[in-house]
Amino acid sequence: MLQFPMLSRFVPLVRHTARTIHTGTELLFRSTPVLCAEPLKKKKKLDPQVVKQREERKRKRLEKQIRRLEKNARQLKPIEELEVPMELIDEQGKRKRNVPKPTAELLESRALLEKQWAKYRMQETLADYQLFDRIVVSQTKALNELKLESEDLYRQAIQPDPALVPFRAQGPVATPPIKGYEQPDGEYIDVSRKWE
């Protein structure tokens, strides 16, 4: 093999895997060696009886799968999150608690506690309503006094504050309905009897 010292600086030598075509320091094009194809293998002649048996087995397997799918077609797809694991079903006897039957005294105390809770919540709700009423009455009174003092200040006071509650509204995005347009229900064939 000939050695070219000047050329080896610019073109890296690659043995047997690729030939290099190099036009500059930035671009590097490589071409792979030619791969020769080998001749196709001769097909073995199979006995027609064996081919027929294979096709018959394949057909039976497909029919069996179709029957299995048809049998399970009525079953709904199970939801994994709602299924109880088999370990828990097996341990059901261990996990079951013996809860004693509540006595009459316990039931009476629970009923009394529920009544007390309902009474407390009713008083709390009434207190909230009374607070809201007092706030509205005092606000109305203050606005009336301001209206008597200055009409301009009253108008400014009743204007909504956009910075207080960030609210943004847009108009309707749909087009208005077309008069006389009958909306289709979808594609179907009407097989109901016509009574004339």
C-alpha atoms as a PDB file:
ATOM      1  CA  MET A   1       0.000   0.000   0.000  1.00  0.00           C
ATOM      2  CA  LEU A   2       1.311   3.414  -0.966  1.00  0.00           C
ATOM      3  CA  GLN A   3       1.712   6.044   1.708  1.00  0.00           C
ATOM      4  CA  PHE A   4       0.850   9.668   0.979  1.00  0.00           C
ATOM      5  CA  PRO A   5       1.894  11.753   4.006  1.00  0.00           C
ATOM      6  CA  MET A   6       0.319  14.994   2.765  1.00  0.00           C
ATOM      7  CA  LEU A   7      -2.920  13.309   1.806  1.00  0.00           C
ATOM      8  CA  SER A   8      -3.266  11.442   5.113  1.00  0.00           C
ATOM      9  CA  ARG A   9      -3.470  14.759   6.942  1.00  0.00           C
ATOM     10  CA  PHE A  10      -6.563  15.757   5.001  1.00  0.00           C
ATOM     11  CA  VAL A  11      -8.195  12.403   4.271  1.00  0.00           C
ATOM     12  CA  PRO A  12      -8.463   9.898   7.139  1.00  0.00           C
ATOM     13  CA  LEU A  13      -7.712   6.359   5.998  1.00  0.00           C
ATOM     14  CA  VAL A  14     -10.504   3.889   6.661  1.00  0.00           C
ATOM     15  CA  ARG A  15      -9.716   0.274   5.853  1.00  0.00           C
ATOM     16  CA  HIS A  16     -12.349  -2.038   4.291  1.00  0.00           C
ATOM     17  CA  THR A  17     -15.398  -0.351   5.877  1.00  0.00           C
ATOM     18  CA  ALA A  18     -15.793   2.812   3.851  1.00  0.00           C
ATOM     19  CA  ARG A  19     -14.129   4.876   1.194  1.00  0.00           C
ATOM     20  CA  THR A  20     -13.778   8.537   1.915  1.00  0.00           C
ATOM     21  CA  ILE A  21     -14.612  11.355  -0.463  1.00  0.00           C
ATOM     22  CA  HIS A  22     -13.342  14.535   1.086  1.00  0.00           C
ATOM     23  CA  THR A  23     -13.615  18.045  -0.357  1.00  0.00           C
ATOM     24  CA  GLY A  24     -12.688  20.137   2.671  1.00  0.00           C
ATOM     25  CA  THR A  25     -12.211  20.068   6.392  1.00  0.00           C
ATOM     26  CA  GLU A  26     -15.933  20.545   7.152  1.00  0.00           C
ATOM     27  CA  LEU A  27     -17.603  17.976   4.880  1.00  0.00           C
ATOM     28  CA  LEU A  28     -16.992  14.263   5.075  1.00  0.00           C
ATOM     29  CA  PHE A  29     -18.869  11.943   2.726  1.00  0.00           C
ATOM     30  CA  ARG A  30     -18.563   8.199   3.194  1.00  0.00           C
ATOM     31  CA  SER A  31     -19.659   5.425   0.933  1.00  0.00           C
ATOM     32  CA  THR A  32     -20.072   1.867   2.106  1.00  0.00           C
ATOM     33  CA  PRO A  33     -18.664  -1.077   0.208  1.00  0.00           C
ATOM     34  CA  VAL A  34     -20.891  -2.964  -2.199  1.00  0.00           C
ATOM     35  CA  LEU A  35     -22.826  -5.772  -0.558  1.00  0.00           C
ATOM     36  CA  CYS A  36     -23.352  -8.677  -2.871  1.00  0.00           C
ATOM     37  CA  ALA A  37     -26.604 -10.566  -2.573  1.00  0.00           C
ATOM     38  CA  GLU A  38     -26.643 -14.334  -2.287  1.00  0.00           C
ATOM     39  CA  PRO A  39     -28.979 -16.480  -4.326  1.00  0.00           C
ATOM     40  CA  LEU A  40     -32.428 -17.247  -2.981  1.00  0.00           C
ATOM     41  CA  LYS A  41     -32.940 -20.564  -1.264  1.00  0.00           C
ATOM     42  CA  LYS A  42     -35.030 -23.079  -3.096  1.00  0.00           C
ATOM     43  CA  LYS A  43     -38.475 -23.536  -1.658  1.00  0.00           C
ATOM     44  CA  LYS A  44     -39.053 -26.945  -0.245  1.00  0.00           C
ATOM     45  CA  LYS A  45     -42.005 -28.685  -1.780  1.00  0.00           C
ATOM     46  CA  LEU A  46     -44.431 -29.565   0.950  1.00  0.00           C
ATOM     47  CA  ASP A  47     -46.889 -32.367   0.900  1.00  0.00           C
ATOM     48  CA  PRO A  48     -50.332 -30.954   0.067  1.00  0.00           C
ATOM     49  CA  GLN A  49     -51.805 -33.007   2.913  1.00  0.00           C
ATOM     50  CA  VAL A  50     -49.452 -31.300   5.435  1.00  0.00           C
ATOM     51  CA  VAL A  51     -50.349 -27.851   4.063  1.00  0.00           C
ATOM     52  CA  LYS A  52     -54.042 -28.720   4.320  1.00  0.00           C
ATOM     53  CA  GLN A  53     -53.609 -29.896   7.941  1.00  0.00           C
ATOM     54  CA  ARG A  54     -51.799 -26.652   8.890  1.00  0.00           C
ATOM     55  CA  GLU A  55     -54.527 -24.514   7.357  1.00  0.00           C
ATOM     56  CA  GLU A  56     -57.187 -26.627   9.100  1.00  0.00           C
ATOM     57  CA  ARG A  57     -55.436 -26.170  12.476  1.00  0.00           C
ATOM     58  CA  LYS A  58     -55.156 -22.431  11.907  1.00  0.00           C
ATOM     59  CA  ARG A  59     -58.840 -22.208  10.955  1.00  0.00           C
ATOM     60  CA  LYS A  60     -59.882 -24.196  14.059  1.00  0.00           C
ATOM     61  CA  ARG A  61     -57.761 -21.976  16.298  1.00  0.00           C
ATOM     62  CA  LEU A  62     -59.383 -18.854  14.827  1.00  0.00           C
ATOM     63  CA  GLU A  63     -62.876 -20.348  15.237  1.00  0.00           C
ATOM     64  CA  LYS A  64     -62.091 -21.191  18.854  1.00  0.00           C
ATOM     65  CA  GLN A  65     -60.942 -17.616  19.525  1.00  0.00           C
ATOM     66  CA  ILE A  66     -64.098 -16.248  17.862  1.00  0.00           C
ATOM     67  CA  ARG A  67     -66.306 -18.524  20.013  1.00  0.00           C
ATOM     68  CA  ARG A  68     -64.475 -17.414  23.151  1.00  0.00           C
ATOM     69  CA  LEU A  69     -64.901 -13.742  22.203  1.00  0.00           C
ATOM     70  CA  GLU A  70     -68.606 -14.243  21.449  1.00  0.00           C
ATOM     71  CA  LYS A  71     -69.099 -15.982  24.808  1.00  0.00           C
ATOM     72  CA  ASN A  72     -67.415 -13.092  26.671  1.00  0.00           C
ATOM     73  CA  ALA A  73     -69.044 -10.377  24.550  1.00  0.00           C
ATOM     74  CA  ARG A  74     -71.892  -9.921  27.025  1.00  0.00           C
ATOM     75  CA  GLN A  75     -69.531  -9.399  29.961  1.00  0.00           C
ATOM     76  CA  LEU A  76     -68.586  -5.846  30.816  1.00  0.00           C
ATOM     77  CA  LYS A  77     -64.958  -4.899  30.962  1.00  0.00           C
ATOM     78  CA  PRO A  78     -63.867  -5.068  34.614  1.00  0.00           C
ATOM     79  CA  ILE A  79     -62.614  -1.948  36.330  1.00  0.00           C
ATOM     80  CA  GLU A  80     -59.417  -2.859  38.137  1.00  0.00           C
ATOM     81  CA  GLU A  81     -59.831  -0.205  40.823  1.00  0.00           C
ATOM     82  CA  LEU A  82     -63.187  -1.664  41.875  1.00  0.00           C
ATOM     83  CA  GLU A  83     -62.076  -5.283  42.058  1.00  0.00           C
ATOM     84  CA  VAL A  84     -61.284  -6.650  45.501  1.00  0.00           C
ATOM     85  CA  PRO A  85     -57.875  -8.394  45.604  1.00  0.00           C
ATOM     86  CA  MET A  86     -57.975 -12.142  46.290  1.00  0.00           C
ATOM     87  CA  GLU A  87     -55.704 -11.698  49.342  1.00  0.00           C
ATOM     88  CA  LEU A  88     -58.337  -9.541  51.012  1.00  0.00           C
ATOM     89  CA  ILE A  89     -61.079 -12.023  50.185  1.00  0.00           C
ATOM     90  CA  ASP A  90     -58.970 -14.819  51.717  1.00  0.00           C
ATOM     91  CA  GLU A  91     -58.274 -12.732  54.845  1.00  0.00           C
ATOM     92  CA  GLN A  92     -61.900 -11.688  55.254  1.00  0.00           C
ATOM     93  CA  GLY A  93     -62.369 -13.897  58.327  1.00  0.00           C
ATOM     94  CA  LYS A  94     -59.292 -12.408  60.039  1.00  0.00           C
ATOM     95  CA  ARG A  95     -60.229  -8.839  59.202  1.00  0.00           C
ATOM     96  CA  LYS A  96     -63.850  -9.019  60.303  1.00  0.00           C
ATOM     97  CA  ARG A  97     -64.492  -7.256  63.612  1.00  0.00           C
ATOM     98  CA  ASN A  98     -66.938  -8.345  66.243  1.00  0.00           C
ATOM     99  CA  VAL A  99     -68.786  -5.092  66.799  1.00  0.00           C
ATOM    100  CA  PRO A 100     -70.971  -5.220  69.910  1.00  0.00           C
ATOM    101  CA  LYS A 101     -74.596  -4.247  69.452  1.00  0.00           C
ATOM    102  CA  PRO A 102     -75.146  -0.676  70.705  1.00  0.00           C
ATOM    103  CA  THR A 103     -77.049  -0.395  73.960  1.00  0.00           C
ATOM    104  CA  ALA A 104     -80.152   1.718  74.481  1.00  0.00           C
ATOM    105  CA  GLU A 105     -78.156   4.238  76.543  1.00  0.00           C
ATOM    106  CA  LEU A 106     -75.575   4.640  73.753  1.00  0.00           C
ATOM    107  CA  LEU A 107     -78.295   5.154  71.131  1.00  0.00           C
ATOM    108  CA  GLU A 108     -80.005   7.734  73.382  1.00  0.00           C
ATOM    109  CA  SER A 109     -76.755   9.655  73.927  1.00  0.00           C
ATOM    110  CA  ARG A 110     -76.036   9.656  70.162  1.00  0.00           C
ATOM    111  CA  ALA A 111     -79.510  11.002  69.380  1.00  0.00           C
ATOM    112  CA  LEU A 112     -79.069  13.717  72.030  1.00  0.00           C
ATOM    113  CA  LEU A 113     -75.642  14.632  70.593  1.00  0.00           C
ATOM    114  CA  GLU A 114     -77.106  14.920  67.057  1.00  0.00           C
ATOM    115  CA  LYS A 115     -79.863  17.215  68.331  1.00  0.00           C
ATOM    116  CA  GLN A 116     -77.347  19.417  70.140  1.00  0.00           C
ATOM    117  CA  TRP A 117     -75.184  19.613  66.989  1.00  0.00           C
ATOM    118  CA  ALA A 118     -78.201  20.557  64.822  1.00  0.00           C
ATOM    119  CA  LYS A 119     -79.179  23.269  67.334  1.00  0.00           C
ATOM    120  CA  TYR A 120     -75.606  24.659  67.396  1.00  0.00           C
ATOM    121  CA  ARG A 121     -75.422  24.774  63.576  1.00  0.00           C
ATOM    122  CA  MET A 122     -78.829  26.498  63.356  1.00  0.00           C
ATOM    123  CA  GLN A 123     -77.694  29.183  65.840  1.00  0.00           C
ATOM    124  CA  GLU A 124     -74.456  29.682  63.901  1.00  0.00           C
ATOM    125  CA  THR A 125     -76.360  30.078  60.595  1.00  0.00           C
ATOM    126  CA  LEU A 126     -78.807  32.562  62.144  1.00  0.00           C
ATOM    127  CA  ALA A 127     -75.875  34.575  63.532  1.00  0.00           C
ATOM    128  CA  ASP A 128     -74.341  34.707  60.030  1.00  0.00           C
ATOM    129  CA  TYR A 129     -77.644  35.896  58.508  1.00  0.00           C
ATOM    130  CA  GLN A 130     -77.999  38.591  61.176  1.00  0.00           C
ATOM    131  CA  LEU A 131     -74.422  39.750  60.540  1.00  0.00           C
ATOM    132  CA  PHE A 132     -75.110  40.036  56.783  1.00  0.00           C
ATOM    133  CA  ASP A 133     -78.320  41.963  57.476  1.00  0.00           C
ATOM    134  CA  ARG A 134     -76.482  44.413  59.763  1.00  0.00           C
ATOM    135  CA  ILE A 135     -73.772  44.960  57.131  1.00  0.00           C
ATOM    136  CA  VAL A 136     -76.337  45.626  54.369  1.00  0.00           C
ATOM    137  CA  VAL A 137     -78.359  47.984  56.587  1.00  0.00           C
ATOM    138  CA  SER A 138     -75.279  49.966  57.641  1.00  0.00           C
ATOM    139  CA  GLN A 139     -74.060  50.161  54.013  1.00  0.00           C
ATOM    140  CA  THR A 140     -77.456  51.392  52.813  1.00  0.00           C
ATOM    141  CA  LYS A 141     -77.592  53.978  55.612  1.00  0.00           C
ATOM    142  CA  ALA A 142     -74.080  55.238  54.757  1.00  0.00           C
ATOM    143  CA  LEU A 143     -74.963  55.529  51.047  1.00  0.00           C
ATOM    144  CA  ASN A 144     -78.144  57.430  51.843  1.00  0.00           C
ATOM    145  CA  GLU A 145     -76.213  59.876  54.038  1.00  0.00           C
ATOM    146  CA  LEU A 146     -73.617  60.303  51.268  1.00  0.00           C
ATOM    147  CA  LYS A 147     -76.379  60.975  48.721  1.00  0.00           C
ATOM    148  CA  LEU A 148     -77.722  63.751  50.932  1.00  0.00           C
ATOM    149  CA  GLU A 149     -74.226  65.289  51.214  1.00  0.00           C
ATOM    150  CA  SER A 150     -73.044  65.022  47.584  1.00  0.00           C
ATOM    151  CA  GLU A 151     -74.652  63.472  44.513  1.00  0.00           C
ATOM    152  CA  ASP A 152     -71.283  63.152  42.669  1.00  0.00           C
ATOM    153  CA  LEU A 153     -69.647  61.291  45.551  1.00  0.00           C
ATOM    154  CA  TYR A 154     -72.673  58.979  45.750  1.00  0.00           C
ATOM    155  CA  ARG A 155     -72.388  58.130  42.007  1.00  0.00           C
ATOM    156  CA  GLN A 156     -68.681  57.416  42.412  1.00  0.00           C
ATOM    157  CA  ALA A 157     -69.343  55.244  45.467  1.00  0.00           C
ATOM    158  CA  ILE A 158     -71.884  53.015  43.698  1.00  0.00           C
ATOM    159  CA  GLN A 159     -69.609  52.455  40.665  1.00  0.00           C
ATOM    160  CA  PRO A 160     -68.166  48.895  40.618  1.00  0.00           C
ATOM    161  CA  ASP A 161     -64.445  48.646  41.333  1.00  0.00           C
ATOM    162  CA  PRO A 162     -62.835  46.573  38.515  1.00  0.00           C
ATOM    163  CA  ALA A 163     -59.693  45.938  40.585  1.00  0.00           C
ATOM    164  CA  LEU A 164     -61.698  44.538  43.512  1.00  0.00           C
ATOM    165  CA  VAL A 165     -63.094  41.535  41.662  1.00  0.00           C
ATOM    166  CA  PRO A 166     -61.262  40.648  38.430  1.00  0.00           C
ATOM    167  CA  PHE A 167     -64.162  39.944  36.081  1.00  0.00           C
ATOM    168  CA  ARG A 168     -64.008  39.815  32.307  1.00  0.00           C
ATOM    169  CA  ALA A 169     -66.921  39.023  30.008  1.00  0.00           C
ATOM    170  CA  GLN A 170     -67.118  38.443  26.270  1.00  0.00           C
ATOM    171  CA  GLY A 171     -70.040  38.419  23.939  1.00  0.00           C
ATOM    172  CA  PRO A 172     -71.596  35.295  22.470  1.00  0.00           C
ATOM    173  CA  VAL A 173     -69.162  33.165  20.515  1.00  0.00           C
ATOM    174  CA  ALA A 174     -71.788  31.134  18.632  1.00  0.00           C
ATOM    175  CA  THR A 175     -73.725  32.439  15.669  1.00  0.00           C
ATOM    176  CA  PRO A 176     -77.405  33.163  16.215  1.00  0.00           C
ATOM    177  CA  PRO A 177     -79.819  30.405  15.167  1.00  0.00           C
ATOM    178  CA  ILE A 178     -81.050  30.290  11.590  1.00  0.00           C
ATOM    179  CA  LYS A 179     -84.821  30.613  11.324  1.00  0.00           C
ATOM    180  CA  GLY A 180     -86.525  27.560   9.854  1.00  0.00           C
ATOM    181  CA  TYR A 181     -83.405  25.365  10.147  1.00  0.00           C
ATOM    182  CA  GLU A 182     -84.120  21.808  11.252  1.00  0.00           C
ATOM    183  CA  GLN A 183     -81.158  20.324  13.042  1.00  0.00           C
ATOM    184  CA  PRO A 184     -80.367  16.748  11.959  1.00  0.00           C
ATOM    185  CA  ASP A 185     -80.453  14.088  14.678  1.00  0.00           C
ATOM    186  CA  GLY A 186     -77.808  11.995  12.978  1.00  0.00           C
ATOM    187  CA  GLU A 187     -77.995   9.375  10.283  1.00  0.00           C
ATOM    188  CA  TYR A 188     -80.667   6.761  10.845  1.00  0.00           C
ATOM    189  CA  ILE A 189     -83.257   4.836   8.887  1.00  0.00           C
ATOM    190  CA  ASP A 190     -86.806   5.524   9.981  1.00  0.00           C
ATOM    191  CA  VAL A 191     -88.587   2.166  10.083  1.00  0.00           C
ATOM    192  CA  SER A 192     -91.654   3.293  12.005  1.00  0.00           C
ATOM    193  CA  ARG A 193     -95.004   2.615  10.394  1.00  0.00           C
ATOM    194  CA  LYS A 194     -96.761   5.463   8.648  1.00  0.00           C
ATOM    195  CA  TRP A 195    -100.408   5.803   9.633  1.00  0.00           C
ATOM    196  CA  GLU A 196    -102.517   7.422   6.919  1.00  0.00           C
END
